[in-house]
PDB file of N, CA and C in Angstrom:
ATOM      1  N   MET A   1    -145.284  -5.897   3.527  1.00  0.00           N
ATOM      2  CA  MET A   1    -145.546  -6.446   4.597  1.00  0.00           C
ATOM      3  C   MET A   1    -146.248  -7.881   4.561  1.00  0.00           C
ATOM      4  N   VAL A   2    -145.555  -8.496   5.431  1.00  0.00           N
ATOM      5  CA  VAL A   2    -146.065 -10.498   5.235  1.00  0.00           C
ATOM      6  C   VAL A   2    -146.968 -10.691   6.478  1.00  0.00           C
ATOM      7  N   LEU A   3    -147.941 -11.243   6.395  1.00  0.00           N
ATOM      8  CA  LEU A   3    -148.570 -11.968   7.306  1.00  0.00           C
ATOM      9  C   LEU A   3    -148.711 -13.381   7.138  1.00  0.00           C
ATOM     10  N   GLU A   4    -148.151 -14.275   7.609  1.00  0.00           N
ATOM     11  CA  GLU A   4    -147.999 -15.546   7.656  1.00  0.00           C
ATOM     12  C   GLU A   4    -148.625 -16.306   8.995  1.00  0.00           C
ATOM     13  N   VAL A   5    -149.738 -16.927   8.708  1.00  0.00           N
ATOM     14  CA  VAL A   5    -150.396 -17.818   9.828  1.00  0.00           C
ATOM     15  C   VAL A   5    -150.455 -19.148   9.220  1.00  0.00           C
ATOM     16  N   GLY A   6    -149.715 -20.194  10.242  1.00  0.00           N
ATOM     17  CA  GLY A   6    -150.081 -21.427   9.994  1.00  0.00           C
ATOM     18  C   GLY A   6    -148.662 -21.982   8.894  1.00  0.00           C
ATOM     19  N   ARG A   7    -148.104 -21.362   8.484  1.00  0.00           N
ATOM     20  CA  ARG A   7    -146.954 -21.796   7.502  1.00  0.00           C
ATOM     21  C   ARG A   7    -146.024 -20.558   7.086  1.00  0.00           C
ATOM     22  N   PRO A   8    -144.807 -20.752   7.305  1.00  0.00           N
ATOM     23  CA  PRO A   8    -144.002 -19.527   6.713  1.00  0.00           C
ATOM     24  C   PRO A   8    -143.871 -19.224   5.406  1.00  0.00           C
ATOM     25  N   ILE A   9    -143.863 -18.270   5.195  1.00  0.00           N
ATOM     26  CA  ILE A   9    -143.940 -17.769   3.699  1.00  0.00           C
ATOM     27  C   ILE A   9    -142.908 -16.655   3.145  1.00  0.00           C
ATOM     28  N   ALA A  10    -142.311 -15.910   4.380  1.00  0.00           N
ATOM     29  CA  ALA A  10    -141.619 -14.649   4.286  1.00  0.00           C
ATOM     30  C   ALA A  10    -140.425 -14.845   3.602  1.00  0.00           C
ATOM     31  N   ALA A  11    -139.767 -16.034   3.477  1.00  0.00           N
ATOM     32  CA  ALA A  11    -138.542 -16.191   2.674  1.00  0.00           C
ATOM     33  C   ALA A  11    -139.066 -16.284   1.346  1.00  0.00           C
ATOM     34  N   ASP A  12    -140.125 -16.976   0.913  1.00  0.00           N
ATOM     35  CA  ASP A  12    -140.487 -16.977  -0.638  1.00  0.00           C
ATOM     36  C   ASP A  12    -140.628 -15.517  -1.058  1.00  0.00           C
ATOM     37  N   VAL A  13    -141.572 -14.671  -0.201  1.00  0.00           N
ATOM     38  CA  VAL A  13    -141.901 -13.443  -0.519  1.00  0.00           C
ATOM     39  C   VAL A  13    -140.614 -12.861  -0.809  1.00  0.00           C
ATOM     40  N   GLU A  14    -139.652 -12.767   0.252  1.00  0.00           N
ATOM     41  CA  GLU A  14    -138.460 -11.921  -0.144  1.00  0.00           C
ATOM     42  C   GLU A  14    -137.822 -12.605  -1.438  1.00  0.00           C
ATOM     43  N   LYS A  15    -137.720 -13.719  -1.984  1.00  0.00           N
ATOM     44  CA  LYS A  15    -136.932 -14.031  -2.946  1.00  0.00           C
ATOM     45  C   LYS A  15    -137.709 -13.342  -4.059  1.00  0.00           C
ATOM     46  N   GLN A  16    -139.161 -13.254  -4.102  1.00  0.00           N
ATOM     47  CA  GLN A  16    -139.972 -12.878  -5.368  1.00  0.00           C
ATOM     48  C   GLN A  16    -140.041 -11.149  -5.174  1.00  0.00           C
ATOM     49  N   LEU A  17    -140.460 -10.868  -4.256  1.00  0.00           N
ATOM     50  CA  LEU A  17    -140.732  -9.325  -3.952  1.00  0.00           C
ATOM     51  C   LEU A  17    -139.612  -8.490  -3.092  1.00  0.00           C
ATOM     52  N   GLY A  18    -138.800  -9.026  -2.914  1.00  0.00           N
ATOM     53  CA  GLY A  18    -137.728  -8.302  -1.847  1.00  0.00           C
ATOM     54  C   GLY A  18    -138.158  -8.541  -0.718  1.00  0.00           C
ATOM     55  N   LYS A  19    -137.382  -7.561   0.244  1.00  0.00           N
ATOM     56  CA  LYS A  19    -137.367  -7.745   1.878  1.00  0.00           C
ATOM     57  C   LYS A  19    -138.528  -7.003   2.196  1.00  0.00           C
ATOM     58  N   PRO A  20    -139.364  -7.769   2.928  1.00  0.00           N
ATOM     59  CA  PRO A  20    -140.858  -7.035   3.349  1.00  0.00           C
ATOM     60  C   PRO A  20    -140.298  -5.989   4.378  1.00  0.00           C
ATOM     61  N   ALA A  21    -140.941  -4.908   4.592  1.00  0.00           N
ATOM     62  CA  ALA A  21    -140.812  -3.738   5.952  1.00  0.00           C
ATOM     63  C   ALA A  21    -141.167  -4.480   6.826  1.00  0.00           C
ATOM     64  N   ARG A  22    -142.239  -5.434   7.115  1.00  0.00           N
ATOM     65  CA  ARG A  22    -142.317  -6.001   8.254  1.00  0.00           C
ATOM     66  C   ARG A  22    -143.123  -7.369   8.242  1.00  0.00           C
ATOM     67  N   VAL A  23    -142.749  -8.360   8.752  1.00  0.00           N
ATOM     68  CA  VAL A  23    -143.350  -9.621   8.994  1.00  0.00           C
ATOM     69  C   VAL A  23    -143.840  -9.900  10.267  1.00  0.00           C
ATOM     70  N   ILE A  24    -145.313 -10.208  10.508  1.00  0.00           N
ATOM     71  CA  ILE A  24    -146.015 -10.894  11.318  1.00  0.00           C
ATOM     72  C   ILE A  24    -146.220 -12.129  11.168  1.00  0.00           C
ATOM     73  N   SER A  25    -145.884 -13.033  11.901  1.00  0.00           N
ATOM     74  CA  SER A  25    -145.393 -14.688  11.870  1.00  0.00           C
ATOM     75  C   SER A  25    -146.348 -15.065  13.237  1.00  0.00           C
ATOM     76  N   TYR A  26    -147.180 -16.083  12.876  1.00  0.00           N
ATOM     77  CA  TYR A  26    -147.927 -17.200  13.780  1.00  0.00           C
ATOM     78  C   TYR A  26    -147.549 -18.599  12.997  1.00  0.00           C
ATOM     79  N   PRO A  27    -146.465 -19.125  12.672  1.00  0.00           N
ATOM     80  CA  PRO A  27    -146.344 -20.335  12.188  1.00  0.00           C
ATOM     81  C   PRO A  27    -146.651 -21.346  12.718  1.00  0.00           C
ATOM     82  N   ARG A  28    -148.047 -21.300  12.941  1.00  0.00           N
ATOM     83  CA  ARG A  28    -148.604 -22.684  13.668  1.00  0.00           C
ATOM     84  C   ARG A  28    -150.232 -22.352  13.398  1.00  0.00           C
ATOM     85  N   ALA A  29    -150.884 -23.480  13.795  1.00  0.00           N
ATOM     86  CA  ALA A  29    -152.321 -23.312  13.883  1.00  0.00           C
ATOM     87  C   ALA A  29    -152.684 -22.361  14.910  1.00  0.00           C
ATOM     88  N   VAL A  30    -153.650 -21.370  14.698  1.00  0.00           N
ATOM     89  CA  VAL A  30    -154.161 -20.515  15.633  1.00  0.00           C
ATOM     90  C   VAL A  30    -155.581 -20.649  15.966  1.00  0.00           C
ATOM     91  N   VAL A  31    -156.116 -20.188  16.987  1.00  0.00           N
ATOM     92  CA  VAL A  31    -157.743 -20.900  17.308  1.00  0.00           C
ATOM     93  C   VAL A  31    -158.161 -19.107  17.152  1.00  0.00           C
ATOM     94  N   GLU A  32    -159.447 -19.173  16.874  1.00  0.00           N
ATOM     95  CA  GLU A  32    -160.100 -18.242  16.609  1.00  0.00           C
ATOM     96  C   GLU A  32    -160.104 -17.137  17.393  1.00  0.00           C
ATOM     97  N   GLN A  33    -160.108 -17.684  18.872  1.00  0.00           N
ATOM     98  CA  GLN A  33    -160.090 -16.493  19.830  1.00  0.00           C
ATOM     99  C   GLN A  33    -158.701 -15.426  19.815  1.00  0.00           C
ATOM    100  N   GLU A  34    -157.969 -16.079  18.916  1.00  0.00           N
ATOM    101  CA  GLU A  34    -156.615 -15.467  18.673  1.00  0.00           C
ATOM    102  C   GLU A  34    -156.856 -14.094  17.698  1.00  0.00           C
ATOM    103  N   TYR A  35    -157.630 -14.320  16.691  1.00  0.00           N
ATOM    104  CA  TYR A  35    -158.097 -13.358  15.665  1.00  0.00           C
ATOM    105  C   TYR A  35    -157.938 -12.184  16.150  1.00  0.00           C
ATOM    106  N   PRO A  36    -158.680 -11.532  17.055  1.00  0.00           N
ATOM    107  CA  PRO A  36    -158.697 -10.199  17.305  1.00  0.00           C
ATOM    108  C   PRO A  36    -157.257  -9.731  17.730  1.00  0.00           C
ATOM    109  N   ILE A  37    -156.454 -10.523  18.210  1.00  0.00           N
ATOM    110  CA  ILE A  37    -155.058 -10.005  18.540  1.00  0.00           C
ATOM    111  C   ILE A  37    -154.333 -10.012  17.327  1.00  0.00           C
ATOM    112  N   ILE A  38    -154.335 -10.815  16.475  1.00  0.00           N
ATOM    113  CA  ILE A  38    -153.568 -10.948  15.136  1.00  0.00           C
ATOM    114  C   ILE A  38    -154.031  -9.874  14.268  1.00  0.00           C
ATOM    115  N   ILE A  39    -155.681  -9.440  14.385  1.00  0.00           N
ATOM    116  CA  ILE A  39    -155.922  -8.413  13.274  1.00  0.00           C
ATOM    117  C   ILE A  39    -155.182  -6.872  13.916  1.00  0.00           C
ATOM    118  N   LYS A  40    -155.430  -6.830  15.508  1.00  0.00           N
ATOM    119  CA  LYS A  40    -155.079  -5.529  16.145  1.00  0.00           C
ATOM    120  C   LYS A  40    -153.594  -5.306  15.520  1.00  0.00           C
ATOM    121  N   GLU A  41    -152.807  -6.768  15.755  1.00  0.00           N
ATOM    122  CA  GLU A  41    -151.252  -6.180  15.314  1.00  0.00           C
ATOM    123  C   GLU A  41    -150.964  -6.049  14.039  1.00  0.00           C
ATOM    124  N   VAL A  42    -151.688  -6.776  12.946  1.00  0.00           N
ATOM    125  CA  VAL A  42    -151.662  -6.209  11.567  1.00  0.00           C
ATOM    126  C   VAL A  42    -152.173  -4.912  11.275  1.00  0.00           C
ATOM    127  N   TYR A  43    -153.303  -4.544  11.878  1.00  0.00           N
ATOM    128  CA  TYR A  43    -154.003  -3.115  11.812  1.00  0.00           C
ATOM    129  C   TYR A  43    -153.126  -2.304  12.000  1.00  0.00           C
ATOM    130  N   GLN A  44    -152.369  -2.214  13.334  1.00  0.00           N
ATOM    131  CA  GLN A  44    -151.367  -1.137  13.582  1.00  0.00           C
ATOM    132  C   GLN A  44    -150.253  -1.246  12.475  1.00  0.00           C
ATOM    133  N   ALA A  45    -149.724  -2.175  12.372  1.00  0.00           N
ATOM    134  CA  ALA A  45    -148.553  -2.433  11.247  1.00  0.00           C
ATOM    135  C   ALA A  45    -149.117  -1.651  10.189  1.00  0.00           C
ATOM    136  N   VAL A  46    -150.060  -2.035   9.448  1.00  0.00           N
ATOM    137  CA  VAL A  46    -150.645  -1.230   8.340  1.00  0.00           C
ATOM    138  C   VAL A  46    -150.801   0.183   8.420  1.00  0.00           C
ATOM    139  N   ARG A  47    -151.276   0.584   9.527  1.00  0.00           N
ATOM    140  CA  ARG A  47    -151.553   2.093   9.946  1.00  0.00           C
ATOM    141  C   ARG A  47    -150.285   2.681   9.776  1.00  0.00           C
ATOM    142  N   GLU A  48    -149.160   2.206  10.611  1.00  0.00           N
ATOM    143  CA  GLU A  48    -148.188   2.541  10.705  1.00  0.00           C
ATOM    144  C   GLU A  48    -147.258   2.828   9.354  1.00  0.00           C
ATOM    145  N   LEU A  49    -147.341   1.897   8.693  1.00  0.00           N
ATOM    146  CA  LEU A  49    -146.551   1.693   7.140  1.00  0.00           C
ATOM    147  C   LEU A  49    -147.474   2.624   6.333  1.00  0.00           C
ATOM    148  N   ALA A  50    -148.433   3.001   6.473  1.00  0.00           N
ATOM    149  CA  ALA A  50    -149.513   3.731   5.595  1.00  0.00           C
ATOM    150  C   ALA A  50    -149.169   5.238   5.813  1.00  0.00           C
ATOM    151  N   SER A  51    -148.862   5.729   7.029  1.00  0.00           N
ATOM    152  CA  SER A  51    -148.652   6.858   7.216  1.00  0.00           C
ATOM    153  C   SER A  51    -148.323   8.003   6.532  1.00  0.00           C
ATOM    154  N   GLY A  52    -148.584   8.931   6.269  1.00  0.00           N
ATOM    155  CA  GLY A  52    -148.254   9.863   4.926  1.00  0.00           C
ATOM    156  C   GLY A  52    -148.645   9.436   3.619  1.00  0.00           C
ATOM    157  N   GLY A  53    -149.860   8.339   3.385  1.00  0.00           N
ATOM    158  CA  GLY A  53    -150.299   8.168   2.355  1.00  0.00           C
ATOM    159  C   GLY A  53    -149.682   7.134   1.423  1.00  0.00           C
ATOM    160  N   GLN A  54    -148.751   6.482   2.241  1.00  0.00           N
ATOM    161  CA  GLN A  54    -147.813   5.583   1.365  1.00  0.00           C
ATOM    162  C   GLN A  54    -148.755   4.317   1.241  1.00  0.00           C
ATOM    163  N   GLU A  55    -148.579   3.452   0.141  1.00  0.00           N
ATOM    164  CA  GLU A  55    -149.190   2.268  -0.494  1.00  0.00           C
ATOM    165  C   GLU A  55    -148.552   1.086   0.523  1.00  0.00           C
ATOM    166  N   VAL A  56    -149.332   0.208   0.999  1.00  0.00           N
ATOM    167  CA  VAL A  56    -148.574  -1.003   1.650  1.00  0.00           C
ATOM    168  C   VAL A  56    -149.078  -2.266   0.940  1.00  0.00           C
ATOM    169  N   THR A  57    -148.183  -2.737   0.441  1.00  0.00           N
ATOM    170  CA  THR A  57    -148.032  -4.224   0.122  1.00  0.00           C
ATOM    171  C   THR A  57    -148.223  -5.229   0.934  1.00  0.00           C
ATOM    172  N   LEU A  58    -149.433  -6.169   0.977  1.00  0.00           N
ATOM    173  CA  LEU A  58    -149.582  -7.034   1.778  1.00  0.00           C
ATOM    174  C   LEU A  58    -149.777  -8.487   1.142  1.00  0.00           C
ATOM    175  N   VAL A  59    -148.641  -9.005   1.826  1.00  0.00           N
ATOM    176  CA  VAL A  59    -149.134 -10.624   1.404  1.00  0.00           C
ATOM    177  C   VAL A  59    -149.632 -11.490   2.436  1.00  0.00           C
ATOM    178  N   LEU A  60    -150.695 -12.241   2.276  1.00  0.00           N
ATOM    179  CA  LEU A  60    -151.237 -12.798   3.094  1.00  0.00           C
ATOM    180  C   LEU A  60    -151.223 -14.549   3.249  1.00  0.00           C
ATOM    181  N   SER A  61    -151.003 -14.891   4.274  1.00  0.00           N
ATOM    182  CA  SER A  61    -151.255 -16.482   4.168  1.00  0.00           C
ATOM    183  C   SER A  61    -151.966 -16.793   5.743  1.00  0.00           C
ATOM    184  N   GLY A  62    -152.900 -17.371   5.568  1.00  0.00           N
ATOM    185  CA  GLY A  62    -153.661 -17.589   6.655  1.00  0.00           C
ATOM    186  C   GLY A  62    -155.146 -18.092   6.629  1.00  0.00           C
ATOM    187  N   PRO A  63    -155.816 -18.194   7.712  1.00  0.00           N
ATOM    188  CA  PRO A  63    -157.289 -18.667   7.419  1.00  0.00           C
ATOM    189  C   PRO A  63    -158.039 -17.809   6.794  1.00  0.00           C
ATOM    190  N   VAL A  64    -158.906 -18.054   5.945  1.00  0.00           N
ATOM    191  CA  VAL A  64    -159.996 -17.007   5.238  1.00  0.00           C
ATOM    192  C   VAL A  64    -160.761 -16.198   6.063  1.00  0.00           C
ATOM    193  N   ALA A  65    -161.067 -16.652   7.196  1.00  0.00           N
ATOM    194  CA  ALA A  65    -161.904 -16.050   7.911  1.00  0.00           C
ATOM    195  C   ALA A  65    -161.056 -14.830   8.658  1.00  0.00           C
ATOM    196  N   LEU A  66    -159.935 -15.167   9.239  1.00  0.00           N
ATOM    197  CA  LEU A  66    -158.979 -14.126   9.469  1.00  0.00           C
ATOM    198  C   LEU A  66    -158.824 -13.080   8.628  1.00  0.00           C
ATOM    199  N   ASN A  67    -158.603 -13.515   7.462  1.00  0.00           N
ATOM    200  CA  ASN A  67    -158.088 -12.500   6.492  1.00  0.00           C
ATOM    201  C   ASN A  67    -159.498 -11.515   5.886  1.00  0.00           C
ATOM    202  N   PHE A  68    -160.581 -12.186   6.117  1.00  0.00           N
ATOM    203  CA  PHE A  68    -161.852 -11.608   5.614  1.00  0.00           C
ATOM    204  C   PHE A  68    -162.060 -10.304   6.882  1.00  0.00           C
ATOM    205  N   MET A  69    -161.830 -10.722   8.135  1.00  0.00           N
ATOM    206  CA  MET A  69    -161.744  -9.773   9.483  1.00  0.00           C
ATOM    207  C   MET A  69    -160.902  -8.730   8.998  1.00  0.00           C
ATOM    208  N   LEU A  70    -159.727  -9.272   8.746  1.00  0.00           N
ATOM    209  CA  LEU A  70    -158.578  -7.867   8.483  1.00  0.00           C
ATOM    210  C   LEU A  70    -159.091  -7.085   7.306  1.00  0.00           C
ATOM    211  N   GLY A  71    -159.841  -7.562   6.163  1.00  0.00           N
ATOM    212  CA  GLY A  71    -160.308  -6.745   5.708  1.00  0.00           C
ATOM    213  C   GLY A  71    -161.552  -5.510   5.751  1.00  0.00           C
ATOM    214  N   GLN A  72    -162.156  -6.224   6.980  1.00  0.00           N
ATOM    215  CA  GLN A  72    -163.335  -5.606   7.458  1.00  0.00           C
ATOM    216  C   GLN A  72    -162.834  -4.548   8.432  1.00  0.00           C
ATOM    217  N   ALA A  73    -161.355  -4.808   9.159  1.00  0.00           N
ATOM    218  CA  ALA A  73    -160.890  -3.721   9.921  1.00  0.00           C
ATOM    219  C   ALA A  73    -160.252  -2.657   9.094  1.00  0.00           C
ATOM    220  N   ILE A  74    -159.767  -2.959   8.021  1.00  0.00           N
ATOM    221  CA  ILE A  74    -158.982  -2.050   7.106  1.00  0.00           C
ATOM    222  C   ILE A  74    -160.090  -1.081   6.220  1.00  0.00           C
ATOM    223  N   GLY A  75    -160.716  -1.783   5.869  1.00  0.00           N
ATOM    224  CA  GLY A  75    -161.879  -1.430   5.198  1.00  0.00           C
ATOM    225  C   GLY A  75    -161.523  -0.529   3.957  1.00  0.00           C
ATOM    226  N   LEU A  76    -162.754  -0.348   3.118  1.00  0.00           N
ATOM    227  CA  LEU A  76    -162.284   0.239   1.644  1.00  0.00           C
ATOM    228  C   LEU A  76    -161.935   1.683   1.638  1.00  0.00           C
ATOM    229  N   GLY A  77    -160.907   1.949   1.423  1.00  0.00           N
ATOM    230  CA  GLY A  77    -160.418   3.140   1.338  1.00  0.00           C
ATOM    231  C   GLY A  77    -159.833   3.841   2.488  1.00  0.00           C
ATOM    232  N   HIS A  78    -159.637   3.353   3.401  1.00  0.00           N
ATOM    233  CA  HIS A  78    -158.795   3.914   4.623  1.00  0.00           C
ATOM    234  C   HIS A  78    -157.490   3.818   4.501  1.00  0.00           C
ATOM    235  N   PHE A  79    -156.765   3.013   3.753  1.00  0.00           N
ATOM    236  CA  PHE A  79    -155.348   2.919   3.796  1.00  0.00           C
ATOM    237  C   PHE A  79    -155.098   2.504   1.983  1.00  0.00           C
ATOM    238  N   LYS A  80    -154.083   2.712   1.348  1.00  0.00           N
ATOM    239  CA  LYS A  80    -153.533   2.286   0.150  1.00  0.00           C
ATOM    240  C   LYS A  80    -153.109   1.029   0.361  1.00  0.00           C
ATOM    241  N   VAL A  81    -153.784  -0.094   0.323  1.00  0.00           N
ATOM    242  CA  VAL A  81    -153.122  -1.523   0.229  1.00  0.00           C
ATOM    243  C   VAL A  81    -153.220  -2.246  -0.732  1.00  0.00           C
ATOM    244  N   LEU A  82    -152.186  -2.879  -1.388  1.00  0.00           N
ATOM    245  CA  LEU A  82    -152.132  -3.762  -2.600  1.00  0.00           C
ATOM    246  C   LEU A  82    -151.786  -5.030  -1.869  1.00  0.00           C
ATOM    247  N   VAL A  83    -152.884  -6.009  -2.164  1.00  0.00           N
ATOM    248  CA  VAL A  83    -152.633  -7.436  -1.512  1.00  0.00           C
ATOM    249  C   VAL A  83    -152.361  -8.371  -2.577  1.00  0.00           C
ATOM    250  N   TYR A  84    -151.332  -9.081  -2.026  1.00  0.00           N
ATOM    251  CA  TYR A  84    -150.834 -10.426  -3.009  1.00  0.00           C
ATOM    252  C   TYR A  84    -151.203 -11.628  -2.612  1.00  0.00           C
ATOM    253  N   GLN A  85    -151.283 -12.484  -3.577  1.00  0.00           N
ATOM    254  CA  GLN A  85    -151.692 -13.892  -3.112  1.00  0.00           C
ATOM    255  C   GLN A  85    -151.064 -14.602  -3.933  1.00  0.00           C
ATOM    256  N   PHE A  86    -150.823 -15.927  -3.444  1.00  0.00           N
ATOM    257  CA  PHE A  86    -149.749 -16.874  -4.394  1.00  0.00           C
ATOM    258  C   PHE A  86    -150.750 -17.738  -5.222  1.00  0.00           C
ATOM    259  N   SER A  87    -150.350 -17.742  -6.415  1.00  0.00           N
ATOM    260  CA  SER A  87    -151.000 -18.093  -7.812  1.00  0.00           C
ATOM    261  C   SER A  87    -150.372 -18.705  -8.640  1.00  0.00           C
ATOM    262  N   ALA A  88    -150.382 -19.690  -9.348  1.00  0.00           N
ATOM    263  CA  ALA A  88    -149.443 -20.161 -10.428  1.00  0.00           C
ATOM    264  C   ALA A  88    -148.349 -20.258 -10.029  1.00  0.00           C
ATOM    265  N   GLY A  89    -147.773 -20.472  -8.771  1.00  0.00           N
ATOM    266  CA  GLY A  89    -146.314 -20.442  -8.338  1.00  0.00           C
ATOM    267  C   GLY A  89    -145.640 -19.195  -8.184  1.00  0.00           C
ATOM    268  N   ALA A  90    -146.143 -18.296  -8.049  1.00  0.00           N
ATOM    269  CA  ALA A  90    -145.633 -16.858  -7.722  1.00  0.00           C
ATOM    270  C   ALA A  90    -146.762 -16.020  -6.949  1.00  0.00           C
ATOM    271  N   TYR A  91    -146.193 -14.854  -6.400  1.00  0.00           N
ATOM    272  CA  TYR A  91    -147.061 -13.909  -5.756  1.00  0.00           C
ATOM    273  C   TYR A  91    -147.339 -12.977  -6.392  1.00  0.00           C
ATOM    274  N   ARG A  92    -148.623 -12.626  -6.760  1.00  0.00           N
ATOM    275  CA  ARG A  92    -149.262 -11.821  -7.574  1.00  0.00           C
ATOM    276  C   ARG A  92    -150.193 -10.987  -7.100  1.00  0.00           C
ATOM    277  N   PRO A  93    -150.211  -9.671  -7.793  1.00  0.00           N
ATOM    278  CA  PRO A  93    -151.095  -8.606  -7.214  1.00  0.00           C
ATOM    279  C   PRO A  93    -152.556  -8.877  -7.360  1.00  0.00           C
ATOM    280  N   VAL A  94    -153.257  -8.269  -6.504  1.00  0.00           N
ATOM    281  CA  VAL A  94    -155.078  -8.673  -6.989  1.00  0.00           C
ATOM    282  C   VAL A  94    -155.391  -7.376  -6.874  1.00  0.00           C
ATOM    283  N   PRO A  95    -156.122  -7.251  -8.212  1.00  0.00           N
ATOM    284  CA  PRO A  95    -156.523  -5.781  -8.684  1.00  0.00           C
ATOM    285  C   PRO A  95    -157.452  -5.008  -7.283  1.00  0.00           C
ATOM    286  N   PRO A  96    -157.305  -4.097  -6.986  1.00  0.00           N
ATOM    287  CA  PRO A  96    -157.798  -3.466  -6.240  1.00  0.00           C
ATOM    288  C   PRO A  96    -159.344  -3.230  -6.091  1.00  0.00           C
ATOM    289  N   LEU A  97    -159.908  -3.749  -5.121  1.00  0.00           N
ATOM    290  CA  LEU A  97    -161.398  -3.350  -5.303  1.00  0.00           C
ATOM    291  C   LEU A  97    -161.868  -1.971  -4.978  1.00  0.00           C
ATOM    292  N   ARG A  98    -162.947  -1.108  -5.926  1.00  0.00           N
ATOM    293  CA  ARG A  98    -163.058   0.048  -5.621  1.00  0.00           C
ATOM    294  C   ARG A  98    -164.697   0.108  -5.043  1.00  0.00           C
ATOM    295  N   ARG A  99    -164.981   0.997  -4.533  1.00  0.00           N
ATOM    296  CA  ARG A  99    -166.540   1.313  -4.043  1.00  0.00           C
ATOM    297  C   ARG A  99    -167.218   1.308  -5.290  1.00  0.00           C
ATOM    298  N   GLU A 100    -166.889   1.745  -6.464  1.00  0.00           N
ATOM    299  CA  GLU A 100    -167.545   1.965  -7.622  1.00  0.00           C
ATOM    300  C   GLU A 100    -167.836   0.731  -8.020  1.00  0.00           C
ATOM    301  N   ASP A 101    -166.952  -0.297  -8.075  1.00  0.00           N
ATOM    302  CA  ASP A 101    -167.312  -1.777  -8.564  1.00  0.00           C
ATOM    303  C   ASP A 101    -168.385  -2.784  -7.858  1.00  0.00           C
ATOM    304  N   LEU A 102    -168.699  -2.171  -6.798  1.00  0.00           N
ATOM    305  CA  LEU A 102    -169.813  -2.446  -5.906  1.00  0.00           C
ATOM    306  C   LEU A 102    -171.294  -2.312  -6.327  1.00  0.00           C
ATOM    307  N   PHE A 103    -171.235  -1.076  -6.904  1.00  0.00           N
ATOM    308  CA  PHE A 103    -172.590  -0.369  -7.166  1.00  0.00           C
ATOM    309  C   PHE A 103    -172.679  -0.327  -8.554  1.00  0.00           C
TER     310      PHE A 103
END
């Protein structure tokens, strides 16, 4: 699944990782008042894709605050989500954070 805010990334993600199951696209600057709408859309898509215990691969491009709020909404342990980020010219998985890593 791809969330692209501000600039399109879905084509690059498809080249590197394959066709995403879902693309949520806001290829423009968004204002903070739109964050709840975007977060709800992404949350519902993750919930749908994760039904039955499936792991969801999520590639994010957008404002840090929006992505942070999305992480709050999804929370640790509610869904199996593998996050990818762009690093050194490619989309790479970020090691999952576990509750025991925090304490």
